[in-house]
Protein backbone atom coordinates (compact mmCIF):
# COMPACT_ATOMS: atom_id res chain seq x y z
CA UNK A 1 68.28 20.11 -65.95
CA UNK A 2 66.58 21.77 -63.07
CA UNK A 3 63.12 20.01 -62.78
CA UNK A 4 60.31 19.31 -60.26
CA UNK A 5 58.06 16.49 -60.52
CA UNK A 6 55.01 16.03 -58.13
CA UNK A 7 53.17 13.19 -57.72
CA UNK A 8 50.41 11.62 -55.29
CA UNK A 9 47.46 12.87 -57.02
CA UNK A 10 44.47 10.78 -57.73
CA UNK A 11 40.66 10.53 -56.88
CA UNK A 12 39.37 10.29 -53.28
CA UNK A 13 36.24 10.81 -51.59
CA UNK A 14 35.01 13.90 -49.43
CA UNK A 15 36.94 13.93 -46.18
CA UNK A 16 40.01 11.57 -47.23
CA UNK A 17 43.60 12.64 -47.44
CA UNK A 18 46.27 12.71 -49.68
CA UNK A 19 49.92 13.42 -49.49
CA UNK A 20 51.66 15.10 -52.54
CA UNK A 21 55.10 15.09 -53.57
CA UNK A 22 57.41 17.76 -54.99
CA UNK A 23 60.75 16.06 -55.84
CA UNK A 24 63.63 17.90 -57.22
CA UNK A 25 65.83 17.16 -59.80
CA UNK A 26 69.06 19.13 -60.54
CA UNK A 27 67.97 21.46 -57.84
CA UNK A 28 68.28 21.74 -54.26
CA UNK A 29 64.68 22.24 -52.64
CA UNK A 30 66.11 23.57 -49.32
CA UNK A 31 67.87 26.88 -50.94
CA UNK A 32 64.96 27.91 -51.89
CA UNK A 33 61.11 29.16 -50.76
CA UNK A 34 58.91 26.35 -51.94
CA UNK A 35 55.45 27.10 -53.13
CA UNK A 36 52.08 24.82 -54.25
CA UNK A 37 49.44 25.77 -56.69
CA UNK A 38 45.91 24.73 -57.45
CA UNK A 39 44.29 25.06 -60.34
CA UNK A 40 40.19 24.55 -60.24
CA UNK A 41 38.71 23.17 -63.39
CA UNK A 42 38.17 26.16 -65.53
CA UNK A 43 39.71 28.52 -62.99
CA UNK A 44 43.48 30.34 -62.96
CA UNK A 45 45.99 28.81 -60.67
CA UNK A 46 46.26 30.26 -57.12
CA UNK A 47 49.00 30.13 -54.63
CA UNK A 48 47.65 28.15 -51.56
CA UNK A 49 50.68 27.28 -49.63
CA UNK A 50 54.40 28.06 -48.95
CA UNK A 51 56.99 27.05 -46.75
CA UNK A 52 60.33 29.33 -46.48
CA UNK A 53 63.98 28.34 -46.69
CA UNK A 54 65.31 29.52 -43.27
CA UNK A 55 63.32 29.21 -40.44
CA UNK A 56 60.40 26.51 -42.25
CA UNK A 57 57.98 28.91 -41.84
CA UNK A 58 54.54 28.01 -43.59
CA UNK A 59 51.77 30.25 -44.79
CA UNK A 60 48.34 28.88 -46.28
CA UNK A 61 45.11 30.71 -48.15
CA UNK A 62 42.26 30.98 -45.55
CA UNK A 63 40.43 27.76 -47.63
CA UNK A 64 43.09 25.38 -46.80
CA UNK A 65 44.17 26.73 -43.28
CA UNK A 66 43.28 23.37 -40.62
CA UNK A 67 43.32 21.17 -43.03
CA UNK A 68 46.89 20.82 -45.33
CA UNK A 69 50.14 21.30 -44.36
CA UNK A 70 53.70 22.00 -45.75
CA UNK A 71 56.81 20.12 -44.84
CA UNK A 72 60.58 19.39 -46.12
CA UNK A 73 62.34 15.84 -46.25
CA UNK A 74 65.96 17.72 -47.03
CA UNK A 75 67.67 14.25 -47.17
CA UNK A 76 64.93 12.94 -49.63
CA UNK A 77 65.11 16.87 -51.47
CA UNK A 78 61.10 16.46 -51.45
CA UNK A 79 58.31 18.83 -50.01
CA UNK A 80 55.12 17.64 -49.19
CA UNK A 81 51.68 18.73 -49.17
CA UNK A 82 49.60 16.87 -46.57
CA UNK A 83 45.92 17.11 -47.47
CA UNK A 84 43.69 16.10 -44.93
CA UNK A 85 39.41 16.29 -44.82
CA UNK A 86 39.48 16.78 -48.43
CA UNK A 87 36.27 18.86 -50.40
CA UNK A 88 35.12 18.62 -53.51
CA UNK A 89 36.18 22.10 -54.33
CA UNK A 90 39.72 20.75 -53.80
CA UNK A 91 39.67 19.53 -57.10
CA UNK A 92 42.27 20.36 -59.53
CA UNK A 93 45.69 20.31 -60.40
CA UNK A 94 48.33 20.75 -57.96
CA UNK A 95 51.51 22.36 -59.00
CA UNK A 96 54.76 23.05 -56.90
CA UNK A 97 57.18 25.71 -57.66
CA UNK A 98 60.34 26.94 -56.53
CA UNK A 99 61.76 30.56 -55.73
CA UNK A 100 58.12 32.05 -56.47
CA UNK A 101 57.67 30.57 -59.80
CA UNK A 102 60.98 30.18 -61.43
CA UNK A 103 60.65 26.54 -61.38
CA UNK A 104 57.55 24.65 -61.94
CA UNK A 105 56.72 21.07 -61.84
CA UNK A 106 53.98 19.50 -64.51
CA UNK A 107 51.39 19.30 -61.68
CA UNK A 108 49.47 16.38 -60.50
CA UNK A 109 45.99 15.69 -60.71
CA UNK A 110 43.59 15.44 -57.66
CA UNK A 111 39.79 14.87 -57.79
CA UNK A 112 37.32 14.79 -54.57
CA UNK A 113 34.32 13.50 -55.50
CA UNK A 114 31.81 10.59 -54.21
């Protein structure tokens, strides 16, 4: 069974950092473009970051550029989303996806509040 499992979310204060993990089970993540999505409360899910499966190139939407970074740990079969300088507007559910939405994790909640 192909499965993605996110972890690492939580309640933090503005300016704090979190590292989210997306672990693959039954799927080798290094073979796929991996993406992270953010769904703010009451809003649609939006793509925020991708990492390709060749050169490891990353792309970010403007709202997270310079604050978030993607990386892979291929031996562990995990993709990380490092989130720095978190803002209240970063609050929401973060989900990872393989191969442009073919496979999804269940999501992890991030709440940024003072």
